[in-house]
């Protein structure tokens, strides 16, 4: 049996539009209603037939919803939830797709007290954004981390988990605060480093922009892909997950100082041992199906 028959998606960017496409492809009998605060996005969504219905107000999108998924920047979750509070059915489940969970859960509890709230985070995405950037297979073989509050109804948790399984994701359940620490290491800090490196390269007075582009090797090229991610979303992520990001950034700074000393004092053993350990991590990621082992990361030329 399908976990839901009527799903509302608020926010029709990359994740929201991909989820709409995935539900319609893998659960074609489920009615999908969409809304976005931007009228141009709504018009595009109608033009490409993204959902069964696109509403002009958030409240109208949830009047008969069984599940509402907020796909907006993490610091906008509370405002988006407050906008649907009056029209939201009493038994509807509210979820989201943000990459910070403790802060989002607090926002949703404040805006929707007493409601059924089951946050989630699909660990998937690309550097592209907008309703036309989505695709139905985005979540296939990727993790979706469900982060319910401690007193959550197990049946509601399972329904949200099953929705993610139906669109191809592997599901893990995790405490919200622990999720934020894990993602600070695996996602948030790497994005912060990528933004910094690309920004540093563009600011260097002795290297022209054309040279940076012309001679970009694979490492820098991959950093530019990450650094092309949506600026609004990532600004909000760093501010919403501030404590965990700062903790990981401090640890990274200490490790970077160790490498700096090793290079200065020609300590090849320290460098070799670190590079050997990190190479093994890369192999583990490939073995778990989270990336491609093909030459040049499977890029076509």
C-alpha atoms as a PDB file:
ATOM      1  CA  UNK A   1       0.000   0.000   0.000  1.00  0.00           C
ATOM      2  CA  UNK A   2       1.244   3.496  -0.829  1.00  0.00           C
ATOM      3  CA  UNK A   3       2.283   5.577   2.208  1.00  0.00           C
ATOM      4  CA  UNK A   4       0.338   8.639   0.987  1.00  0.00           C
ATOM      5  CA  UNK A   5      -2.243   9.409  -1.680  1.00  0.00           C
ATOM      6  CA  UNK A   6      -1.954  13.246  -1.621  1.00  0.00           C
ATOM      7  CA  UNK A   7       1.404  14.990  -1.283  1.00  0.00           C
ATOM      8  CA  UNK A   8       2.109  18.731  -1.310  1.00  0.00           C
ATOM      9  CA  UNK A   9       5.562  20.073  -2.177  1.00  0.00           C
ATOM     10  CA  UNK A  10       6.321  23.674  -1.229  1.00  0.00           C
ATOM     11  CA  UNK A  11       9.419  24.995  -2.989  1.00  0.00           C
ATOM     12  CA  UNK A  12       9.981  23.790  -6.560  1.00  0.00           C
ATOM     13  CA  UNK A  13      13.731  24.092  -6.973  1.00  0.00           C
ATOM     14  CA  UNK A  14      16.091  21.207  -7.705  1.00  0.00           C
ATOM     15  CA  UNK A  15      15.029  18.978  -4.804  1.00  0.00           C
ATOM     16  CA  UNK A  16      11.332  19.852  -4.853  1.00  0.00           C
ATOM     17  CA  UNK A  17      11.001  19.429  -8.612  1.00  0.00           C
ATOM     18  CA  UNK A  18      12.992  16.173  -8.540  1.00  0.00           C
ATOM     19  CA  UNK A  19      10.748  14.838  -5.791  1.00  0.00           C
ATOM     20  CA  UNK A  20       7.629  15.799  -7.749  1.00  0.00           C
ATOM     21  CA  UNK A  21       8.973  13.989 -10.820  1.00  0.00           C
ATOM     22  CA  UNK A  22       9.997  10.941  -8.788  1.00  0.00           C
ATOM     23  CA  UNK A  23       6.610  10.602  -7.086  1.00  0.00           C
ATOM     24  CA  UNK A  24       4.773  10.917 -10.395  1.00  0.00           C
ATOM     25  CA  UNK A  25       7.050   8.337 -12.031  1.00  0.00           C
ATOM     26  CA  UNK A  26       7.255   5.744  -9.259  1.00  0.00           C
ATOM     27  CA  UNK A  27       3.861   6.335  -7.598  1.00  0.00           C
ATOM     28  CA  UNK A  28       1.672   7.563 -10.471  1.00  0.00           C
ATOM     29  CA  UNK A  29      -1.593   7.311  -8.521  1.00  0.00           C
ATOM     30  CA  UNK A  30      -0.400   9.782  -5.873  1.00  0.00           C
ATOM     31  CA  UNK A  31      -1.723  13.306  -6.438  1.00  0.00           C
ATOM     32  CA  UNK A  32       1.078  15.891  -6.242  1.00  0.00           C
ATOM     33  CA  UNK A  33       0.289  19.537  -5.536  1.00  0.00           C
ATOM     34  CA  UNK A  34       3.021  22.130  -5.756  1.00  0.00           C
ATOM     35  CA  UNK A  35       3.574  25.713  -4.690  1.00  0.00           C
ATOM     36  CA  UNK A  36       6.474  28.147  -4.901  1.00  0.00           C
ATOM     37  CA  UNK A  37       6.649  31.691  -3.574  1.00  0.00           C
ATOM     38  CA  UNK A  38       8.140  32.901  -6.870  1.00  0.00           C
ATOM     39  CA  UNK A  39       5.441  33.454  -9.529  1.00  0.00           C
ATOM     40  CA  UNK A  40       7.967  32.847 -12.321  1.00  0.00           C
ATOM     41  CA  UNK A  41       8.796  29.439 -10.847  1.00  0.00           C
ATOM     42  CA  UNK A  42       5.089  28.626 -10.611  1.00  0.00           C
ATOM     43  CA  UNK A  43       4.628  29.576 -14.259  1.00  0.00           C
ATOM     44  CA  UNK A  44       7.563  27.381 -15.291  1.00  0.00           C
ATOM     45  CA  UNK A  45       6.200  24.494 -13.221  1.00  0.00           C
ATOM     46  CA  UNK A  46       2.843  24.789 -14.979  1.00  0.00           C
ATOM     47  CA  UNK A  47       4.489  24.985 -18.382  1.00  0.00           C
ATOM     48  CA  UNK A  48       6.492  21.774 -17.853  1.00  0.00           C
ATOM     49  CA  UNK A  49       3.552  19.993 -16.151  1.00  0.00           C
ATOM     50  CA  UNK A  50       5.599  19.372 -13.025  1.00  0.00           C
ATOM     51  CA  UNK A  51       2.686  18.598 -10.689  1.00  0.00           C
ATOM     52  CA  UNK A  52      -0.958  17.633 -10.935  1.00  0.00           C
ATOM     53  CA  UNK A  53      -1.799  21.092  -9.613  1.00  0.00           C
ATOM     54  CA  UNK A  54       0.166  24.284  -8.925  1.00  0.00           C
ATOM     55  CA  UNK A  55      -1.438  26.736  -6.502  1.00  0.00           C
ATOM     56  CA  UNK A  56      -0.833  30.457  -6.216  1.00  0.00           C
ATOM     57  CA  UNK A  57      -0.908  30.421  -2.404  1.00  0.00           C
ATOM     58  CA  UNK A  58       0.776  28.097   0.054  1.00  0.00           C
ATOM     59  CA  UNK A  59      -2.425  27.663   2.049  1.00  0.00           C
ATOM     60  CA  UNK A  60      -4.401  26.460  -0.963  1.00  0.00           C
ATOM     61  CA  UNK A  61      -1.762  23.798  -1.655  1.00  0.00           C
ATOM     62  CA  UNK A  62      -2.253  21.979   1.664  1.00  0.00           C
ATOM     63  CA  UNK A  63      -6.018  21.949   2.210  1.00  0.00           C
ATOM     64  CA  UNK A  64      -6.363  18.197   1.592  1.00  0.00           C
ATOM     65  CA  UNK A  65      -2.725  17.090   1.948  1.00  0.00           C
ATOM     66  CA  UNK A  66      -1.700  13.956   3.806  1.00  0.00           C
ATOM     67  CA  UNK A  67       1.981  14.900   3.609  1.00  0.00           C
ATOM     68  CA  UNK A  68       3.503  18.350   3.178  1.00  0.00           C
ATOM     69  CA  UNK A  69       7.196  18.543   2.279  1.00  0.00           C
ATOM     70  CA  UNK A  70       8.906  21.906   2.667  1.00  0.00           C
ATOM     71  CA  UNK A  71      11.675  22.298   0.075  1.00  0.00           C
ATOM     72  CA  UNK A  72      12.750  25.836   0.930  1.00  0.00           C
ATOM     73  CA  UNK A  73      16.040  27.222   2.321  1.00  0.00           C
ATOM     74  CA  UNK A  74      16.529  26.079   5.917  1.00  0.00           C
ATOM     75  CA  UNK A  75      16.157  29.525   7.487  1.00  0.00           C
ATOM     76  CA  UNK A  76      12.843  29.982   5.635  1.00  0.00           C
ATOM     77  CA  UNK A  77      11.259  26.810   7.058  1.00  0.00           C
ATOM     78  CA  UNK A  78       9.516  28.537   9.964  1.00  0.00           C
ATOM     79  CA  UNK A  79       7.953  31.207   7.772  1.00  0.00           C
ATOM     80  CA  UNK A  80       6.835  28.639   5.197  1.00  0.00           C
ATOM     81  CA  UNK A  81       5.269  26.515   7.938  1.00  0.00           C
ATOM     82  CA  UNK A  82       3.483  29.494   9.493  1.00  0.00           C
ATOM     83  CA  UNK A  83       2.011  30.356   6.095  1.00  0.00           C
ATOM     84  CA  UNK A  84       0.175  26.995   5.897  1.00  0.00           C
ATOM     85  CA  UNK A  85      -0.794  26.662   9.563  1.00  0.00           C
ATOM     86  CA  UNK A  86      -4.430  27.739   9.222  1.00  0.00           C
ATOM     87  CA  UNK A  87      -5.247  25.521   6.227  1.00  0.00           C
ATOM     88  CA  UNK A  88      -3.233  22.443   7.249  1.00  0.00           C
ATOM     89  CA  UNK A  89      -5.376  19.356   8.024  1.00  0.00           C
ATOM     90  CA  UNK A  90      -5.006  18.187  11.605  1.00  0.00           C
ATOM     91  CA  UNK A  91      -3.721  14.740  10.681  1.00  0.00           C
ATOM     92  CA  UNK A  92      -1.283  15.846   7.975  1.00  0.00           C
ATOM     93  CA  UNK A  93       2.393  15.011   8.385  1.00  0.00           C
ATOM     94  CA  UNK A  94       4.889  17.831   7.854  1.00  0.00           C
ATOM     95  CA  UNK A  95       8.375  17.046   6.588  1.00  0.00           C
ATOM     96  CA  UNK A  96      11.193  18.852   4.827  1.00  0.00           C
ATOM     97  CA  UNK A  97      14.413  18.272   2.857  1.00  0.00           C
ATOM     98  CA  UNK A  98      16.831  20.653   4.607  1.00  0.00           C
ATOM     99  CA  UNK A  99      20.409  19.658   5.365  1.00  0.00           C
ATOM    100  CA  UNK A 100      20.226  21.038   8.947  1.00  0.00           C
ATOM    101  CA  UNK A 101      17.807  19.203  11.216  1.00  0.00           C
ATOM    102  CA  UNK A 102      17.917  20.494  14.819  1.00  0.00           C
ATOM    103  CA  UNK A 103      17.327  24.107  13.773  1.00  0.00           C
ATOM    104  CA  UNK A 104      14.626  23.159  11.272  1.00  0.00           C
ATOM    105  CA  UNK A 105      12.814  20.995  13.830  1.00  0.00           C
ATOM    106  CA  UNK A 106      12.827  23.907  16.289  1.00  0.00           C
ATOM    107  CA  UNK A 107      11.420  26.265  13.633  1.00  0.00           C
ATOM    108  CA  UNK A 108       8.660  23.844  12.676  1.00  0.00           C
ATOM    109  CA  UNK A 109       7.698  23.135  16.297  1.00  0.00           C
ATOM    110  CA  UNK A 110       7.368  26.877  16.918  1.00  0.00           C
ATOM    111  CA  UNK A 111       5.302  27.529  13.787  1.00  0.00           C
ATOM    112  CA  UNK A 112       3.170  24.365  14.036  1.00  0.00           C
ATOM    113  CA  UNK A 113       2.810  23.402  17.713  1.00  0.00           C
ATOM    114  CA  UNK A 114       1.212  20.032  18.317  1.00  0.00           C
ATOM    115  CA  UNK A 115       1.487  18.951  14.665  1.00  0.00           C
ATOM    116  CA  UNK A 116       3.027  15.738  13.335  1.00  0.00           C
ATOM    117  CA  UNK A 117       6.539  16.734  12.251  1.00  0.00           C
ATOM    118  CA  UNK A 118       8.968  14.208  10.749  1.00  0.00           C
ATOM    119  CA  UNK A 119      12.006  15.999   9.265  1.00  0.00           C
ATOM    120  CA  UNK A 120      14.156  14.342   6.594  1.00  0.00           C
ATOM    121  CA  UNK A 121      17.227  15.064   4.507  1.00  0.00           C
ATOM    122  CA  UNK A 122      17.816  13.444   1.108  1.00  0.00           C
ATOM    123  CA  UNK A 123      21.603  13.482   0.670  1.00  0.00           C
ATOM    124  CA  UNK A 124      21.478  14.184  -3.040  1.00  0.00           C
ATOM    125  CA  UNK A 125      21.793  17.137  -5.364  1.00  0.00           C
ATOM    126  CA  UNK A 126      23.662  18.853  -8.151  1.00  0.00           C
ATOM    127  CA  UNK A 127      25.076  22.349  -8.599  1.00  0.00           C
ATOM    128  CA  UNK A 128      22.018  23.285 -10.686  1.00  0.00           C
ATOM    129  CA  UNK A 129      18.821  24.853  -9.391  1.00  0.00           C
ATOM    130  CA  UNK A 130      15.275  25.652 -10.460  1.00  0.00           C
ATOM    131  CA  UNK A 131      12.255  23.584 -11.493  1.00  0.00           C
ATOM    132  CA  UNK A 132      13.774  22.572 -14.820  1.00  0.00           C
ATOM    133  CA  UNK A 133      16.936  21.226 -13.144  1.00  0.00           C
ATOM    134  CA  UNK A 134      15.150  18.353 -11.393  1.00  0.00           C
ATOM    135  CA  UNK A 135      15.028  14.741 -12.527  1.00  0.00           C
ATOM    136  CA  UNK A 136      13.182  11.685 -11.232  1.00  0.00           C
ATOM    137  CA  UNK A 137      16.257   9.551 -10.538  1.00  0.00           C
ATOM    138  CA  UNK A 138      18.063  12.100  -8.336  1.00  0.00           C
ATOM    139  CA  UNK A 139      17.430  10.071  -5.172  1.00  0.00           C
ATOM    140  CA  UNK A 140      18.068   6.613  -6.616  1.00  0.00           C
ATOM    141  CA  UNK A 141      20.752   4.823  -4.595  1.00  0.00           C
ATOM    142  CA  UNK A 142      21.293   7.875  -2.366  1.00  0.00           C
ATOM    143  CA  UNK A 143      20.671   8.169   1.356  1.00  0.00           C
ATOM    144  CA  UNK A 144      17.667   9.903   2.825  1.00  0.00           C
ATOM    145  CA  UNK A 145      18.146  10.530   6.541  1.00  0.00           C
ATOM    146  CA  UNK A 146      14.925  10.724   8.545  1.00  0.00           C
ATOM    147  CA  UNK A 147      15.378  12.652  11.813  1.00  0.00           C
ATOM    148  CA  UNK A 148      12.208  12.385  13.921  1.00  0.00           C
ATOM    149  CA  UNK A 149      11.870  13.973  17.358  1.00  0.00           C
ATOM    150  CA  UNK A 150      12.216  11.599  20.304  1.00  0.00           C
ATOM    151  CA  UNK A 151       8.442  11.382  20.862  1.00  0.00           C
ATOM    152  CA  UNK A 152       7.507  10.848  17.198  1.00  0.00           C
ATOM    153  CA  UNK A 153       4.803   8.350  16.238  1.00  0.00           C
ATOM    154  CA  UNK A 154       6.617   5.291  14.776  1.00  0.00           C
ATOM    155  CA  UNK A 155       3.869   4.848  12.181  1.00  0.00           C
ATOM    156  CA  UNK A 156       4.382   8.408  10.896  1.00  0.00           C
ATOM    157  CA  UNK A 157       8.151   7.864  10.763  1.00  0.00           C
ATOM    158  CA  UNK A 158       7.644   4.702   8.731  1.00  0.00           C
ATOM    159  CA  UNK A 159       5.272   6.408   6.284  1.00  0.00           C
ATOM    160  CA  UNK A 160       7.799   9.153   5.551  1.00  0.00           C
ATOM    161  CA  UNK A 161      10.594   6.574   5.299  1.00  0.00           C
ATOM    162  CA  UNK A 162       8.564   4.487   2.861  1.00  0.00           C
ATOM    163  CA  UNK A 163       7.956   7.488   0.624  1.00  0.00           C
ATOM    164  CA  UNK A 164      11.721   7.940   0.277  1.00  0.00           C
ATOM    165  CA  UNK A 165      12.224   4.233  -0.383  1.00  0.00           C
ATOM    166  CA  UNK A 166       9.606   4.379  -3.146  1.00  0.00           C
ATOM    167  CA  UNK A 167      11.575   7.113  -4.974  1.00  0.00           C
ATOM    168  CA  UNK A 168      14.738   5.017  -4.809  1.00  0.00           C
ATOM    169  CA  UNK A 169      16.523   6.237  -1.681  1.00  0.00           C
ATOM    170  CA  UNK A 170      18.155   4.174   1.047  1.00  0.00           C
ATOM    171  CA  UNK A 171      16.752   5.319   4.391  1.00  0.00           C
ATOM    172  CA  UNK A 172      18.559   5.846   7.686  1.00  0.00           C
ATOM    173  CA  UNK A 173      17.016   7.168  10.921  1.00  0.00           C
ATOM    174  CA  UNK A 174      19.147   9.510  12.999  1.00  0.00           C
ATOM    175  CA  UNK A 175      18.933  11.921  15.928  1.00  0.00           C
ATOM    176  CA  UNK A 176      18.690  15.512  14.578  1.00  0.00           C
ATOM    177  CA  UNK A 177      21.719  16.835  16.477  1.00  0.00           C
ATOM    178  CA  UNK A 178      23.866  13.871  15.471  1.00  0.00           C
ATOM    179  CA  UNK A 179      22.790  14.348  11.853  1.00  0.00           C
ATOM    180  CA  UNK A 180      23.994  17.951  11.968  1.00  0.00           C
ATOM    181  CA  UNK A 181      27.430  16.930  13.233  1.00  0.00           C
ATOM    182  CA  UNK A 182      27.806  14.209  10.587  1.00  0.00           C
ATOM    183  CA  UNK A 183      26.729  16.516   7.756  1.00  0.00           C
ATOM    184  CA  UNK A 184      29.025  19.271   8.982  1.00  0.00           C
ATOM    185  CA  UNK A 185      31.913  16.894   8.219  1.00  0.00           C
ATOM    186  CA  UNK A 186      30.655  15.255   5.037  1.00  0.00           C
ATOM    187  CA  UNK A 187      28.893  18.155   3.314  1.00  0.00           C
ATOM    188  CA  UNK A 188      28.968  21.563   4.970  1.00  0.00           C
ATOM    189  CA  UNK A 189      32.715  21.876   5.598  1.00  0.00           C
ATOM    190  CA  UNK A 190      33.622  20.624   2.072  1.00  0.00           C
ATOM    191  CA  UNK A 191      31.325  23.271   0.592  1.00  0.00           C
ATOM    192  CA  UNK A 192      32.887  25.954   2.783  1.00  0.00           C
ATOM    193  CA  UNK A 193      36.374  24.882   1.649  1.00  0.00           C
ATOM    194  CA  UNK A 194      35.301  24.872  -2.005  1.00  0.00           C
ATOM    195  CA  UNK A 195      33.827  28.364  -1.771  1.00  0.00           C
ATOM    196  CA  UNK A 196      37.035  29.559  -0.106  1.00  0.00           C
ATOM    197  CA  UNK A 197      39.451  28.010  -2.607  1.00  0.00           C
ATOM    198  CA  UNK A 198      37.557  29.259  -5.643  1.00  0.00           C
ATOM    199  CA  UNK A 199      37.235  32.701  -4.071  1.00  0.00           C
ATOM    200  CA  UNK A 200      40.965  32.784  -3.285  1.00  0.00           C
ATOM    201  CA  UNK A 201      41.840  31.845  -6.870  1.00  0.00           C
ATOM    202  CA  UNK A 202      39.643  34.600  -8.256  1.00  0.00           C
ATOM    203  CA  UNK A 203      41.217  37.171  -5.925  1.00  0.00           C
ATOM    204  CA  UNK A 204      44.844  36.399  -6.716  1.00  0.00           C
ATOM    205  CA  UNK A 205      46.281  39.458  -8.434  1.00  0.00           C
ATOM    206  CA  UNK A 206      49.067  37.532 -10.192  1.00  0.00           C
ATOM    207  CA  UNK A 207      46.724  35.016 -11.870  1.00  0.00           C
ATOM    208  CA  UNK A 208      44.168  36.253 -14.364  1.00  0.00           C
ATOM    209  CA  UNK A 209      40.703  34.732 -14.469  1.00  0.00           C
ATOM    210  CA  UNK A 210      41.388  33.334 -17.922  1.00  0.00           C
ATOM    211  CA  UNK A 211      44.434  31.438 -16.622  1.00  0.00           C
ATOM    212  CA  UNK A 212      42.469  29.969 -13.729  1.00  0.00           C
ATOM    213  CA  UNK A 213      39.872  28.658 -16.182  1.00  0.00           C
ATOM    214  CA  UNK A 214      42.344  27.614 -18.883  1.00  0.00           C
ATOM    215  CA  UNK A 215      44.662  25.634 -16.641  1.00  0.00           C
ATOM    216  CA  UNK A 216      42.151  24.263 -14.132  1.00  0.00           C
ATOM    217  CA  UNK A 217      43.089  20.683 -13.267  1.00  0.00           C
ATOM    218  CA  UNK A 218      40.618  18.110 -12.018  1.00  0.00           C
ATOM    219  CA  UNK A 219      40.860  19.148  -8.366  1.00  0.00           C
ATOM    220  CA  UNK A 220      40.101  22.819  -8.933  1.00  0.00           C
ATOM    221  CA  UNK A 221      37.445  21.944 -11.496  1.00  0.00           C
ATOM    222  CA  UNK A 222      35.625  19.805  -8.926  1.00  0.00           C
ATOM    223  CA  UNK A 223      35.837  22.617  -6.377  1.00  0.00           C
ATOM    224  CA  UNK A 224      34.189  24.977  -8.879  1.00  0.00           C
ATOM    225  CA  UNK A 225      31.327  22.519  -9.334  1.00  0.00           C
ATOM    226  CA  UNK A 226      30.675  22.495  -5.585  1.00  0.00           C
ATOM    227  CA  UNK A 227      31.144  26.269  -5.330  1.00  0.00           C
ATOM    228  CA  UNK A 228      28.476  26.787  -8.023  1.00  0.00           C
ATOM    229  CA  UNK A 229      25.788  25.535  -5.620  1.00  0.00           C
ATOM    230  CA  UNK A 230      22.842  27.743  -4.706  1.00  0.00           C
ATOM    231  CA  UNK A 231      24.176  30.687  -2.615  1.00  0.00           C
ATOM    232  CA  UNK A 232      20.935  31.310  -0.705  1.00  0.00           C
ATOM    233  CA  UNK A 233      20.648  27.685   0.373  1.00  0.00           C
ATOM    234  CA  UNK A 234      24.261  27.443   1.528  1.00  0.00           C
ATOM    235  CA  UNK A 235      24.242  30.789   3.323  1.00  0.00           C
ATOM    236  CA  UNK A 236      21.311  29.503   5.357  1.00  0.00           C
ATOM    237  CA  UNK A 237      22.932  26.105   5.972  1.00  0.00           C
ATOM    238  CA  UNK A 238      26.051  27.622   7.530  1.00  0.00           C
ATOM    239  CA  UNK A 239      24.054  29.967   9.750  1.00  0.00           C
ATOM    240  CA  UNK A 240      21.537  27.311  10.797  1.00  0.00           C
ATOM    241  CA  UNK A 241      24.196  24.688  11.577  1.00  0.00           C
ATOM    242  CA  UNK A 242      26.631  27.204  13.032  1.00  0.00           C
ATOM    243  CA  UNK A 243      27.847  25.272  16.094  1.00  0.00           C
ATOM    244  CA  UNK A 244      28.603  22.001  14.305  1.00  0.00           C
ATOM    245  CA  UNK A 245      30.270  23.774  11.367  1.00  0.00           C
ATOM    246  CA  UNK A 246      32.474  25.871  13.666  1.00  0.00           C
ATOM    247  CA  UNK A 247      33.471  22.757  15.617  1.00  0.00           C
ATOM    248  CA  UNK A 248      34.484  20.933  12.430  1.00  0.00           C
ATOM    249  CA  UNK A 249      36.194  24.042  11.050  1.00  0.00           C
ATOM    250  CA  UNK A 250      38.347  24.279  14.188  1.00  0.00           C
ATOM    251  CA  UNK A 251      39.344  20.628  13.862  1.00  0.00           C
ATOM    252  CA  UNK A 252      40.131  21.143  10.175  1.00  0.00           C
ATOM    253  CA  UNK A 253      42.265  24.196  10.966  1.00  0.00           C
ATOM    254  CA  UNK A 254      44.281  22.151  13.460  1.00  0.00           C
ATOM    255  CA  UNK A 255      44.801  19.338  10.932  1.00  0.00           C
ATOM    256  CA  UNK A 256      45.791  21.879   8.277  1.00  0.00           C
ATOM    257  CA  UNK A 257      48.431  23.280  10.641  1.00  0.00           C
ATOM    258  CA  UNK A 258      49.845  19.765  11.044  1.00  0.00           C
ATOM    259  CA  UNK A 259      50.178  19.451   7.260  1.00  0.00           C
ATOM    260  CA  UNK A 260      51.752  22.884   7.062  1.00  0.00           C
ATOM    261  CA  UNK A 261      54.432  21.829   9.546  1.00  0.00           C
ATOM    262  CA  UNK A 262      55.028  18.544   7.697  1.00  0.00           C
ATOM    263  CA  UNK A 263      55.645  20.371   4.421  1.00  0.00           C
ATOM    264  CA  UNK A 264      57.874  22.980   6.071  1.00  0.00           C
ATOM    265  CA  UNK A 265      60.053  20.335   7.770  1.00  0.00           C
ATOM    266  CA  UNK A 266      60.112  17.878   4.835  1.00  0.00           C
ATOM    267  CA  UNK A 267      58.191  15.298   6.871  1.00  0.00           C
ATOM    268  CA  UNK A 268      57.282  12.964   4.012  1.00  0.00           C
ATOM    269  CA  UNK A 269      56.123  10.162   6.309  1.00  0.00           C
ATOM    270  CA  UNK A 270      53.325  12.290   7.786  1.00  0.00           C
ATOM    271  CA  UNK A 271      52.153  13.312   4.324  1.00  0.00           C
ATOM    272  CA  UNK A 272      52.343   9.775   2.931  1.00  0.00           C
ATOM    273  CA  UNK A 273      50.459   8.243   5.884  1.00  0.00           C
ATOM    274  CA  UNK A 274      47.635  10.793   5.594  1.00  0.00           C
ATOM    275  CA  UNK A 275      47.328  10.384   1.839  1.00  0.00           C
ATOM    276  CA  UNK A 276      47.237   6.588   2.213  1.00  0.00           C
ATOM    277  CA  UNK A 277      44.453   6.803   4.779  1.00  0.00           C
ATOM    278  CA  UNK A 278      42.366   9.212   2.716  1.00  0.00           C
ATOM    279  CA  UNK A 279      42.814   7.080  -0.405  1.00  0.00           C
ATOM    280  CA  UNK A 280      41.209   4.171   1.464  1.00  0.00           C
ATOM    281  CA  UNK A 281      38.229   6.378   2.334  1.00  0.00           C
ATOM    282  CA  UNK A 282      37.763   7.190  -1.349  1.00  0.00           C
ATOM    283  CA  UNK A 283      37.745   3.480  -2.196  1.00  0.00           C
ATOM    284  CA  UNK A 284      35.121   2.842   0.494  1.00  0.00           C
ATOM    285  CA  UNK A 285      32.846   5.533  -0.971  1.00  0.00           C
ATOM    286  CA  UNK A 286      33.080   3.898  -4.415  1.00  0.00           C
ATOM    287  CA  UNK A 287      32.470   0.421  -2.960  1.00  0.00           C
ATOM    288  CA  UNK A 288      29.273   1.683  -1.298  1.00  0.00           C
ATOM    289  CA  UNK A 289      27.999   3.004  -4.626  1.00  0.00           C
ATOM    290  CA  UNK A 290      28.191   6.669  -3.656  1.00  0.00           C
ATOM    291  CA  UNK A 291      30.426   7.666  -6.597  1.00  0.00           C
ATOM    292  CA  UNK A 292      31.893   6.483  -9.894  1.00  0.00           C
ATOM    293  CA  UNK A 293      35.268   4.766 -10.164  1.00  0.00           C
ATOM    294  CA  UNK A 294      35.577   5.402 -13.915  1.00  0.00           C
ATOM    295  CA  UNK A 295      38.555   7.457 -15.140  1.00  0.00           C
ATOM    296  CA  UNK A 296      38.047  11.198 -14.630  1.00  0.00           C
ATOM    297  CA  UNK A 297      34.980  10.444 -12.484  1.00  0.00           C
ATOM    298  CA  UNK A 298      33.027   9.207 -15.483  1.00  0.00           C
ATOM    299  CA  UNK A 299      33.093  12.534 -17.282  1.00  0.00           C
ATOM    300  CA  UNK A 300      32.368  12.495 -20.980  1.00  0.00           C
ATOM    301  CA  UNK A 301      34.747  14.402 -23.274  1.00  0.00           C
END
